[in-house]
N, C-alpha and C. Protein backbone atom coordinates (compact mmCIF):
# COMPACT_ATOMS: atom_id res chain seq x y z
N UNK A 1 -112.91 -86.95 249.91
CA UNK A 1 -113.49 -88.26 250.19
C UNK A 1 -113.28 -88.54 251.69
N UNK A 2 -114.26 -89.11 252.26
CA UNK A 2 -114.24 -89.38 253.72
C UNK A 2 -114.12 -90.89 253.96
N UNK A 3 -113.36 -91.25 254.96
CA UNK A 3 -113.22 -92.66 255.30
C UNK A 3 -114.19 -93.06 256.41
N UNK A 4 -114.89 -92.13 256.96
CA UNK A 4 -115.78 -92.43 258.12
C UNK A 4 -117.24 -92.19 257.80
N UNK A 5 -117.72 -92.61 256.67
CA UNK A 5 -119.12 -92.46 256.26
C UNK A 5 -119.94 -93.39 257.13
N UNK A 6 -121.04 -92.89 257.72
CA UNK A 6 -121.88 -93.73 258.58
C UNK A 6 -122.51 -94.86 257.79
N UNK A 7 -122.52 -96.04 258.39
CA UNK A 7 -123.12 -97.19 257.75
C UNK A 7 -124.62 -97.22 257.99
N UNK A 8 -125.32 -97.90 257.11
CA UNK A 8 -126.77 -98.07 257.21
C UNK A 8 -127.07 -99.55 257.34
N UNK A 9 -127.76 -99.96 258.40
CA UNK A 9 -128.08 -101.38 258.54
C UNK A 9 -129.09 -101.84 257.49
N UNK A 10 -128.91 -103.06 257.01
CA UNK A 10 -129.73 -103.61 255.93
C UNK A 10 -131.23 -103.56 256.25
N UNK A 11 -131.58 -103.61 257.51
CA UNK A 11 -133.03 -103.69 257.88
C UNK A 11 -133.63 -102.29 258.20
N UNK A 12 -132.90 -101.20 258.06
CA UNK A 12 -133.43 -99.87 258.27
C UNK A 12 -134.49 -99.60 257.22
N UNK A 13 -135.60 -99.01 257.63
CA UNK A 13 -136.64 -98.68 256.65
C UNK A 13 -136.18 -97.48 255.78
N UNK A 14 -136.73 -97.45 254.60
CA UNK A 14 -136.42 -96.35 253.69
C UNK A 14 -136.84 -95.03 254.34
N UNK A 15 -137.98 -95.00 255.01
CA UNK A 15 -138.45 -93.79 255.69
C UNK A 15 -137.42 -93.31 256.70
N UNK A 16 -136.93 -94.21 257.55
CA UNK A 16 -135.94 -93.83 258.53
C UNK A 16 -134.67 -93.35 257.86
N UNK A 17 -134.21 -94.07 256.85
CA UNK A 17 -133.05 -93.63 256.10
C UNK A 17 -133.15 -92.23 255.56
N UNK A 18 -134.30 -91.93 254.92
CA UNK A 18 -134.52 -90.58 254.37
C UNK A 18 -134.51 -89.52 255.49
N UNK A 19 -135.28 -89.78 256.51
CA UNK A 19 -135.47 -88.80 257.62
C UNK A 19 -134.16 -88.61 258.43
N UNK A 20 -133.47 -89.69 258.73
CA UNK A 20 -132.34 -89.59 259.64
C UNK A 20 -130.97 -89.48 258.96
N UNK A 21 -130.88 -89.84 257.70
CA UNK A 21 -129.59 -89.80 257.04
C UNK A 21 -129.59 -88.80 255.84
N UNK A 22 -130.42 -89.08 254.86
CA UNK A 22 -130.39 -88.25 253.66
C UNK A 22 -130.67 -86.77 253.93
N UNK A 23 -131.66 -86.51 254.74
CA UNK A 23 -132.07 -85.11 254.99
C UNK A 23 -131.26 -84.41 256.07
N UNK A 24 -130.39 -85.16 256.78
CA UNK A 24 -129.67 -84.59 257.90
C UNK A 24 -128.14 -84.56 257.70
N UNK A 25 -127.64 -84.93 256.57
CA UNK A 25 -126.22 -84.99 256.39
C UNK A 25 -125.82 -84.53 254.99
N UNK A 26 -124.55 -84.40 254.78
CA UNK A 26 -124.02 -84.00 253.46
C UNK A 26 -123.68 -85.15 252.57
N UNK A 27 -123.77 -86.36 253.07
CA UNK A 27 -123.45 -87.55 252.29
C UNK A 27 -124.57 -87.83 251.32
N UNK A 28 -124.22 -88.30 250.11
CA UNK A 28 -125.23 -88.62 249.12
C UNK A 28 -125.40 -90.12 248.95
N UNK A 29 -124.50 -90.89 249.48
CA UNK A 29 -124.46 -92.34 249.31
C UNK A 29 -123.95 -93.00 250.61
N UNK A 30 -124.54 -94.08 251.01
CA UNK A 30 -124.18 -94.75 252.26
C UNK A 30 -123.92 -96.24 252.01
N UNK A 31 -122.94 -96.83 252.72
CA UNK A 31 -122.76 -98.23 252.65
C UNK A 31 -123.85 -98.95 253.45
N UNK A 32 -124.42 -99.99 252.88
CA UNK A 32 -125.44 -100.78 253.57
C UNK A 32 -124.71 -102.04 254.10
N UNK A 33 -124.91 -102.32 255.40
CA UNK A 33 -124.19 -103.42 256.04
C UNK A 33 -125.17 -104.46 256.57
N UNK A 34 -124.68 -105.69 256.55
CA UNK A 34 -125.42 -106.84 257.14
C UNK A 34 -124.40 -107.63 257.95
N UNK A 35 -124.56 -107.63 259.26
CA UNK A 35 -123.62 -108.31 260.18
C UNK A 35 -122.20 -107.83 259.97
N UNK A 36 -122.00 -106.51 259.75
CA UNK A 36 -120.67 -105.95 259.62
C UNK A 36 -120.08 -105.98 258.23
N UNK A 37 -120.73 -106.69 257.30
CA UNK A 37 -120.24 -106.76 255.92
C UNK A 37 -120.99 -105.79 255.04
N UNK A 38 -120.29 -105.06 254.19
CA UNK A 38 -120.92 -104.15 253.26
C UNK A 38 -121.50 -104.96 252.13
N UNK A 39 -122.81 -104.83 251.94
CA UNK A 39 -123.50 -105.61 250.89
C UNK A 39 -123.98 -104.74 249.73
N UNK A 40 -123.92 -103.43 249.89
CA UNK A 40 -124.35 -102.54 248.83
C UNK A 40 -124.27 -101.09 249.27
N UNK A 41 -124.76 -100.24 248.43
CA UNK A 41 -124.81 -98.80 248.71
C UNK A 41 -126.23 -98.28 248.43
N UNK A 42 -126.59 -97.23 249.15
CA UNK A 42 -127.91 -96.64 248.92
C UNK A 42 -127.81 -95.13 249.04
N UNK A 43 -128.59 -94.50 248.20
CA UNK A 43 -128.62 -93.03 248.18
C UNK A 43 -129.93 -92.56 247.61
N UNK A 44 -130.02 -91.29 247.28
CA UNK A 44 -131.26 -90.67 246.78
C UNK A 44 -131.71 -91.35 245.46
N UNK A 45 -130.75 -91.78 244.64
CA UNK A 45 -131.15 -92.40 243.36
C UNK A 45 -131.94 -93.66 243.59
N UNK A 46 -131.58 -94.46 244.56
CA UNK A 46 -132.28 -95.70 244.86
C UNK A 46 -133.65 -95.38 245.52
N UNK A 47 -133.66 -94.37 246.39
CA UNK A 47 -134.90 -93.99 247.07
C UNK A 47 -135.94 -93.51 246.05
N UNK A 48 -135.51 -92.77 245.06
CA UNK A 48 -136.45 -92.23 244.03
C UNK A 48 -137.22 -93.30 243.32
N UNK A 49 -136.67 -94.50 243.28
CA UNK A 49 -137.28 -95.61 242.54
C UNK A 49 -138.39 -96.28 243.33
N UNK A 50 -138.58 -95.87 244.57
CA UNK A 50 -139.58 -96.47 245.49
C UNK A 50 -140.67 -95.44 245.76
N UNK A 51 -141.91 -95.82 245.57
CA UNK A 51 -143.02 -94.94 245.91
C UNK A 51 -142.98 -94.59 247.36
N UNK A 52 -143.20 -93.31 247.67
CA UNK A 52 -143.12 -92.87 249.09
C UNK A 52 -144.12 -93.61 250.00
N UNK A 53 -145.20 -94.12 249.44
CA UNK A 53 -146.15 -94.90 250.20
C UNK A 53 -145.53 -96.19 250.72
N UNK A 54 -144.49 -96.65 250.12
CA UNK A 54 -143.84 -97.92 250.48
C UNK A 54 -142.62 -97.73 251.39
N UNK A 55 -142.27 -96.48 251.68
CA UNK A 55 -141.05 -96.19 252.47
C UNK A 55 -141.13 -96.83 253.85
N UNK A 56 -142.27 -96.83 254.48
CA UNK A 56 -142.42 -97.37 255.84
C UNK A 56 -142.18 -98.88 255.87
N UNK A 57 -142.46 -99.56 254.74
CA UNK A 57 -142.47 -101.02 254.73
C UNK A 57 -141.27 -101.61 253.92
N UNK A 58 -140.50 -100.78 253.28
CA UNK A 58 -139.37 -101.25 252.49
C UNK A 58 -138.08 -100.99 253.27
N UNK A 59 -137.11 -101.88 253.15
CA UNK A 59 -135.83 -101.71 253.83
C UNK A 59 -134.82 -101.20 252.81
N UNK A 60 -133.76 -100.60 253.35
CA UNK A 60 -132.69 -100.15 252.46
C UNK A 60 -132.02 -101.35 251.82
N UNK A 61 -132.01 -102.47 252.48
CA UNK A 61 -131.44 -103.68 251.89
C UNK A 61 -132.15 -104.10 250.62
N UNK A 62 -133.45 -103.83 250.56
CA UNK A 62 -134.24 -104.23 249.36
C UNK A 62 -133.93 -103.29 248.18
N UNK A 63 -133.54 -102.09 248.43
CA UNK A 63 -133.35 -101.13 247.33
C UNK A 63 -131.88 -100.80 247.06
N UNK A 64 -130.98 -101.33 247.89
CA UNK A 64 -129.56 -101.03 247.80
C UNK A 64 -128.99 -101.50 246.45
N UNK A 65 -128.06 -100.75 245.97
CA UNK A 65 -127.28 -101.13 244.77
C UNK A 65 -126.22 -102.12 245.22
N UNK A 66 -126.26 -103.35 244.75
CA UNK A 66 -125.31 -104.38 245.18
C UNK A 66 -123.89 -103.99 244.77
N UNK A 67 -122.96 -104.37 245.62
CA UNK A 67 -121.52 -104.16 245.27
C UNK A 67 -120.94 -105.49 244.86
N UNK A 68 -120.25 -105.49 243.71
CA UNK A 68 -119.52 -106.66 243.35
C UNK A 68 -118.01 -106.37 243.51
N UNK A 69 -117.20 -107.34 243.26
CA UNK A 69 -115.78 -107.20 243.47
C UNK A 69 -115.13 -106.09 242.66
N UNK A 70 -115.73 -105.64 241.62
CA UNK A 70 -115.11 -104.59 240.76
C UNK A 70 -114.99 -103.29 241.48
N UNK A 71 -115.82 -103.04 242.54
CA UNK A 71 -115.80 -101.73 243.19
C UNK A 71 -115.04 -101.74 244.52
N UNK A 72 -114.48 -102.85 244.90
CA UNK A 72 -113.78 -102.94 246.20
C UNK A 72 -112.33 -102.51 246.06
N UNK A 73 -111.89 -101.70 247.02
CA UNK A 73 -110.48 -101.35 247.11
C UNK A 73 -110.02 -101.46 248.54
N UNK A 74 -108.75 -101.58 248.74
CA UNK A 74 -108.18 -101.60 250.11
C UNK A 74 -107.69 -100.24 250.45
N UNK A 75 -107.61 -99.99 251.74
CA UNK A 75 -107.12 -98.67 252.22
C UNK A 75 -105.73 -98.38 251.76
N UNK A 76 -104.97 -99.40 251.46
CA UNK A 76 -103.53 -99.23 251.01
C UNK A 76 -103.41 -99.13 249.49
N UNK A 77 -104.50 -99.29 248.77
CA UNK A 77 -104.41 -99.22 247.28
C UNK A 77 -104.12 -97.80 246.84
N UNK A 78 -103.32 -97.70 245.78
CA UNK A 78 -102.98 -96.39 245.20
C UNK A 78 -104.19 -95.86 244.43
N UNK A 79 -104.56 -94.63 244.70
CA UNK A 79 -105.75 -94.04 244.03
C UNK A 79 -105.43 -93.61 242.60
N UNK A 80 -104.20 -93.52 242.25
CA UNK A 80 -103.82 -93.06 240.90
C UNK A 80 -103.19 -94.19 240.19
């Protein structure tokens, strides 16, 4: 597990996300941020749900899987 996964801005287009992140790195899921706050995650699973014709006009914020409090942990939390 990596602590330095690159963030994706909420307004990045799906096309840019696919071309610059999904196809160029080993990460399968990215945190989506809005003004420094993580608002969700996005990966190939979310991209598959959007027709490729809409990638230029859809943002990752629109397709991101929202994060609720159940998935948040602190860096000091015990993993086991």
